[in-house]
Amino acid sequence: MSAHRPNTPNLVWLSQTDDFPPVDAAWGPNSPAPGLLAAGGSLDVTALIRAYCRGIFPWFSDGQPVLWWSTDPRMVLQVKHFRLHRSLKKTIRQWRQTQRLEIRINHDFARVIQACASTPRDGQKGTWITAPMVDAYTRLHHAQLAHSVETWLDGELAGGLYVVNLGGMVYGESMFAWKTDASKVALAALVAFCRAHGIGLIDCQQETSHLATMGAAPIARQRFVHYLPEVLGLPAPNWQFNPLYWTFIDPLSDAR
């Protein structure tokens, strides 16, 4: 592995062929960037698979090198703990009963990831979904390892999210909404899909209050990393959405 560069103590810089350091080498809670593990390297499909299998993910802004992270604690959503709030359940039922709502998977991945990159967010300037990241996850999508879950309302794309899927593990990446609640509906659909296929955990990477209100919670990185081998070897699900999946989060759903 290449030597540390000046003025970046304890940060490993990777060449295109270097392997990742162990996740417990990531910067600690009192460092300038808790969870930062390494910089540089490649965003090709092989490197991304290797990273996700070890609990590592890329996250960087324009003008920065590729930065690799393994946060501790790790924000995850155990699908059994997902909170379908009454107002969202009402919205989903109304949209479905009036045949306004359709969940599509991988119908327009390119548009979803571009929307995630460009849709403004309160309190956030710029985006971490840079052009190299869009290219990288588009390659993952072409390899059938990245998927979009899309909320279509009245025949128009209204919101959605994209994920990485390896075996029985789903890693949530980003979401967007052009209509109120559209991203939350996509997340609810993803949870229903995961429950239908016996997937127990969705990785959320970093803690946010929004995800916490939906049932996500932090767990120790060691627990998360030890969980991965249990599920990575399982068969991946067939990424299609059946309306019957709604009954996995709303038993009173009419499954229309």
Protein backbone atom coordinates (compact mmCIF):
# COMPACT_ATOMS: atom_id res chain seq x y z
CA MET A 1 0.00 0.00 0.00
CA SER A 2 1.32 3.43 -0.84
CA ALA A 3 2.84 5.70 1.78
CA HIS A 4 0.88 8.35 3.63
CA ARG A 5 0.97 11.73 1.98
CA PRO A 6 2.27 14.77 3.87
CA ASN A 7 -0.17 16.70 6.08
CA THR A 8 -2.65 13.81 6.22
CA PRO A 9 -1.52 11.84 9.28
CA ASN A 10 -2.97 8.35 9.62
CA LEU A 11 -4.83 8.58 6.32
CA VAL A 12 -4.02 5.80 3.89
CA TRP A 13 -3.80 6.80 0.23
CA LEU A 14 -4.68 4.03 -2.20
CA SER A 15 -3.36 3.38 -5.67
CA GLN A 16 -5.70 1.96 -8.31
CA THR A 17 -4.79 -1.58 -7.25
CA ASP A 18 -4.39 -1.25 -3.46
CA ASP A 19 -6.70 -3.14 -1.14
CA PHE A 20 -8.60 -1.36 1.63
CA PRO A 21 -7.18 -1.20 5.14
CA PRO A 22 -9.17 -2.87 7.94
CA VAL A 23 -12.22 -0.86 8.97
CA ASP A 24 -10.97 -0.47 12.53
CA ALA A 25 -8.23 1.75 11.05
CA ALA A 26 -10.86 4.41 10.28
CA TRP A 27 -10.50 7.76 12.04
CA GLY A 28 -12.08 7.82 15.47
CA PRO A 29 -14.75 10.05 17.06
CA ASN A 30 -12.31 12.78 18.11
CA SER A 31 -10.72 13.13 14.67
CA PRO A 32 -11.51 15.84 12.09
CA ALA A 33 -13.53 13.30 10.05
CA PRO A 34 -14.84 10.37 12.11
CA GLY A 35 -15.16 7.24 10.03
CA LEU A 36 -12.74 8.29 7.28
CA LEU A 37 -10.73 5.24 6.26
CA ALA A 38 -8.76 5.98 3.09
CA ALA A 39 -8.47 8.20 0.03
CA GLY A 40 -7.82 7.54 -3.63
CA GLY A 41 -8.19 4.23 -5.41
CA SER A 42 -10.75 3.25 -8.00
CA LEU A 43 -14.53 3.50 -8.29
CA ASP A 44 -14.79 0.55 -10.65
CA VAL A 45 -17.33 -2.22 -10.04
CA THR A 46 -14.81 -4.59 -8.50
CA ALA A 47 -13.58 -2.00 -5.99
CA LEU A 48 -17.11 -1.00 -5.02
CA ILE A 49 -18.15 -4.61 -4.45
CA ARG A 50 -15.06 -5.20 -2.33
CA ALA A 51 -15.81 -2.06 -0.33
CA TYR A 52 -19.48 -2.81 0.33
CA CYS A 53 -18.68 -6.39 1.34
CA ARG A 54 -16.47 -4.95 4.11
CA GLY A 55 -18.78 -2.19 5.31
CA ILE A 56 -16.97 0.59 3.43
CA PHE A 57 -18.56 3.21 1.17
CA PRO A 58 -17.35 6.17 -0.93
CA TRP A 59 -18.44 9.72 -0.09
CA PHE A 60 -16.77 12.90 -1.35
CA SER A 61 -17.54 16.25 -2.96
CA ASP A 62 -16.36 17.95 -6.13
CA GLY A 63 -12.71 18.95 -5.85
CA GLN A 64 -11.92 16.18 -3.37
CA PRO A 65 -10.23 12.85 -4.03
CA VAL A 66 -12.27 9.67 -3.69
CA LEU A 67 -12.81 9.25 0.06
CA TRP A 68 -13.72 5.92 1.66
CA TRP A 69 -15.62 5.68 4.95
CA SER A 70 -16.65 3.14 7.55
CA THR A 71 -18.64 4.96 10.18
CA ASP A 72 -19.01 3.90 13.81
CA PRO A 73 -21.77 3.68 14.79
CA ARG A 74 -23.51 2.65 11.58
CA MET A 75 -27.06 3.82 10.84
CA VAL A 76 -29.26 0.91 9.77
CA LEU A 77 -32.95 0.24 9.30
CA GLN A 78 -34.06 -3.15 10.56
CA VAL A 79 -37.08 -3.65 8.35
CA LYS A 80 -39.09 -5.13 11.23
CA HIS A 81 -38.68 -1.78 13.01
CA PHE A 82 -39.86 0.37 10.09
CA ARG A 83 -42.43 2.91 11.23
CA LEU A 84 -45.27 3.38 8.79
CA HIS A 85 -46.77 6.51 10.30
CA ARG A 86 -50.52 6.89 10.15
CA SER A 87 -50.43 9.85 7.77
CA LEU A 88 -48.17 8.03 5.31
CA LYS A 89 -50.29 4.89 5.49
CA LYS A 90 -53.33 7.02 4.72
CA THR A 91 -51.57 8.64 1.75
CA ILE A 92 -50.51 5.30 0.30
CA ARG A 93 -53.99 3.82 0.68
CA GLN A 94 -55.64 6.86 -0.91
CA TRP A 95 -53.24 6.95 -3.85
CA ARG A 96 -53.65 3.24 -4.44
CA GLN A 97 -57.43 3.19 -4.06
CA THR A 98 -57.73 5.97 -6.63
CA GLN A 99 -55.21 4.17 -8.87
CA ARG A 100 -52.87 7.16 -8.84
CA LEU A 101 -49.84 5.28 -7.45
CA GLU A 102 -47.50 2.86 -9.18
CA ILE A 103 -44.19 1.58 -7.82
CA ARG A 104 -41.67 0.83 -10.54
CA ILE A 105 -38.23 -0.71 -10.07
CA ASN A 106 -35.38 0.12 -12.46
CA HIS A 107 -37.70 1.83 -14.90
CA ASP A 108 -35.50 4.94 -15.13
CA PHE A 109 -32.41 4.51 -12.96
CA ALA A 110 -30.55 7.28 -14.78
CA ARG A 111 -33.25 9.82 -14.04
CA VAL A 112 -33.49 8.76 -10.40
CA ILE A 113 -29.77 9.09 -9.67
CA GLN A 114 -29.61 12.43 -11.48
CA ALA A 115 -32.61 13.64 -9.45
CA CYS A 116 -30.93 12.50 -6.22
CA ALA A 117 -27.85 14.49 -7.25
CA SER A 118 -29.65 17.67 -8.27
CA THR A 119 -32.77 18.03 -6.07
CA PRO A 120 -32.12 20.73 -3.42
CA ARG A 121 -32.20 19.67 0.25
CA ASP A 122 -32.81 21.92 3.24
CA GLY A 123 -29.57 22.90 4.93
CA GLN A 124 -27.38 21.25 2.30
CA LYS A 125 -25.25 22.95 -0.32
CA GLY A 126 -23.96 21.02 -3.28
CA THR A 127 -24.04 17.24 -3.58
CA TRP A 128 -21.85 14.25 -2.86
CA ILE A 129 -23.36 12.48 -5.88
CA THR A 130 -20.70 13.87 -8.20
CA ALA A 131 -20.30 12.98 -11.86
CA PRO A 132 -17.77 10.21 -11.04
CA MET A 133 -20.25 8.78 -8.51
CA VAL A 134 -23.08 8.86 -11.05
CA ASP A 135 -20.87 7.03 -13.52
CA ALA A 136 -19.79 4.49 -10.89
CA TYR A 137 -23.30 3.61 -9.72
CA THR A 138 -24.58 3.54 -13.28
CA ARG A 139 -21.95 0.86 -13.95
CA LEU A 140 -23.20 -0.99 -10.85
CA HIS A 141 -26.72 -0.71 -12.23
CA HIS A 142 -25.64 -2.19 -15.56
CA ALA A 143 -24.06 -5.02 -13.55
CA GLN A 144 -27.50 -5.54 -11.89
CA LEU A 145 -26.12 -4.55 -8.49
CA ALA A 146 -27.70 -1.09 -8.14
CA HIS A 147 -31.46 -0.55 -8.37
CA SER A 148 -33.95 2.30 -8.32
CA VAL A 149 -37.28 2.17 -6.50
CA GLU A 150 -39.57 4.77 -8.07
CA THR A 151 -42.82 6.42 -6.99
CA TRP A 152 -44.94 7.18 -10.04
CA LEU A 153 -47.98 9.36 -9.40
CA ASP A 154 -50.59 9.96 -12.09
CA GLY A 155 -48.18 8.47 -14.62
CA GLU A 156 -45.30 10.80 -13.72
CA LEU A 157 -42.14 10.17 -11.73
CA ALA A 158 -42.67 11.87 -8.36
CA GLY A 159 -39.82 10.57 -6.22
CA GLY A 160 -37.64 7.61 -5.51
CA LEU A 161 -34.39 6.20 -4.24
CA TYR A 162 -31.54 3.98 -5.31
CA VAL A 163 -29.75 1.17 -3.52
CA VAL A 164 -26.91 -1.29 -3.88
CA ASN A 165 -27.81 -4.97 -3.47
CA LEU A 166 -25.30 -7.76 -2.82
CA GLY A 167 -26.84 -11.12 -2.00
CA GLY A 168 -29.26 -10.63 0.89
CA MET A 169 -27.93 -7.19 1.82
CA VAL A 170 -29.39 -3.86 0.71
CA TYR A 171 -27.44 -0.62 1.06
CA GLY A 172 -29.51 2.54 0.80
CA GLU A 173 -27.79 5.36 -1.06
CA SER A 174 -29.98 8.42 -1.66
CA MET A 175 -33.57 9.50 -2.26
CA PHE A 176 -35.43 12.46 -3.71
CA ALA A 177 -38.97 13.82 -3.86
CA TRP A 178 -40.61 16.08 -6.41
CA LYS A 179 -44.00 15.56 -4.74
CA THR A 180 -44.75 15.56 -1.01
CA ASP A 181 -44.17 12.13 0.58
CA ALA A 182 -42.99 10.57 -2.70
CA SER A 183 -39.59 9.55 -1.31
CA LYS A 184 -41.19 8.19 1.87
CA VAL A 185 -43.55 6.10 -0.25
CA ALA A 186 -40.56 4.72 -2.16
CA LEU A 187 -38.87 3.83 1.14
CA ALA A 188 -42.04 2.13 2.35
CA ALA A 189 -42.15 0.16 -0.90
CA LEU A 190 -38.50 -0.85 -0.44
CA VAL A 191 -39.25 -2.07 3.09
CA ALA A 192 -42.24 -4.04 1.81
CA PHE A 193 -40.04 -5.54 -0.92
CA CYS A 194 -37.36 -6.48 1.63
CA ARG A 195 -39.86 -8.08 3.99
CA ALA A 196 -41.34 -10.06 1.11
CA HIS A 197 -37.87 -11.41 0.25
CA GLY A 198 -36.65 -12.04 3.79
CA ILE A 199 -34.12 -9.20 3.78
CA GLY A 200 -33.76 -8.00 7.34
CA LEU A 201 -31.54 -4.92 7.16
CA ILE A 202 -31.13 -1.81 5.03
CA ASP A 203 -27.86 0.04 5.50
CA CYS A 204 -28.34 3.80 5.87
CA GLN A 205 -24.63 4.60 6.43
CA GLN A 206 -24.92 7.81 8.45
CA GLU A 207 -27.31 8.97 11.12
CA THR A 208 -30.03 11.48 10.25
CA SER A 209 -33.11 12.58 12.18
CA HIS A 210 -35.30 11.89 9.14
CA LEU A 211 -34.29 8.24 8.99
CA ALA A 212 -34.65 7.94 12.75
CA THR A 213 -38.31 8.96 12.52
CA MET A 214 -38.82 6.06 10.08
CA GLY A 215 -37.33 3.52 12.48
CA ALA A 216 -33.62 3.56 11.63
CA ALA A 217 -31.13 3.43 14.49
CA PRO A 218 -27.35 3.31 14.95
CA ILE A 219 -25.53 0.07 15.73
CA ALA A 220 -21.86 -0.57 16.43
CA ARG A 221 -19.71 -0.88 13.32
CA GLN A 222 -18.34 -4.20 14.58
CA ARG A 223 -21.86 -5.62 14.79
CA PHE A 224 -22.65 -4.41 11.28
CA VAL A 225 -19.43 -5.79 9.79
CA HIS A 226 -19.96 -9.15 11.47
CA TYR A 227 -23.51 -9.29 10.10
CA LEU A 228 -22.44 -8.92 6.48
CA PRO A 229 -20.98 -12.42 5.90
CA GLU A 230 -24.27 -13.92 7.15
CA VAL A 231 -26.22 -12.40 4.28
CA LEU A 232 -23.84 -11.62 1.43
CA GLY A 233 -23.81 -15.23 0.28
CA LEU A 234 -27.60 -15.46 0.08
CA PRO A 235 -29.31 -15.29 -3.34
CA ALA A 236 -30.22 -11.80 -4.47
CA PRO A 237 -33.95 -11.08 -4.91
CA ASN A 238 -35.69 -10.56 -8.22
CA TRP A 239 -35.99 -6.79 -8.46
CA GLN A 240 -39.61 -6.45 -9.49
CA PHE A 241 -42.38 -4.92 -7.39
CA ASN A 242 -45.63 -6.83 -6.91
CA PRO A 243 -48.48 -4.77 -5.41
CA LEU A 244 -49.12 -7.70 -3.07
CA TYR A 245 -45.94 -6.68 -1.27
CA TRP A 246 -47.83 -3.78 0.33
CA THR A 247 -49.49 -6.32 2.65
CA PHE A 248 -46.10 -6.91 4.29
CA ILE A 249 -46.23 -3.44 5.87
CA ASP A 250 -50.00 -2.85 5.80
CA PRO A 251 -51.97 -6.08 6.34
CA LEU A 252 -55.23 -4.27 5.58
CA SER A 253 -54.01 -3.25 2.15
CA ASP A 254 -56.37 -4.26 -0.65
CA ALA A 255 -53.30 -5.18 -2.77
CA ARG A 256 -54.79 -3.36 -5.74
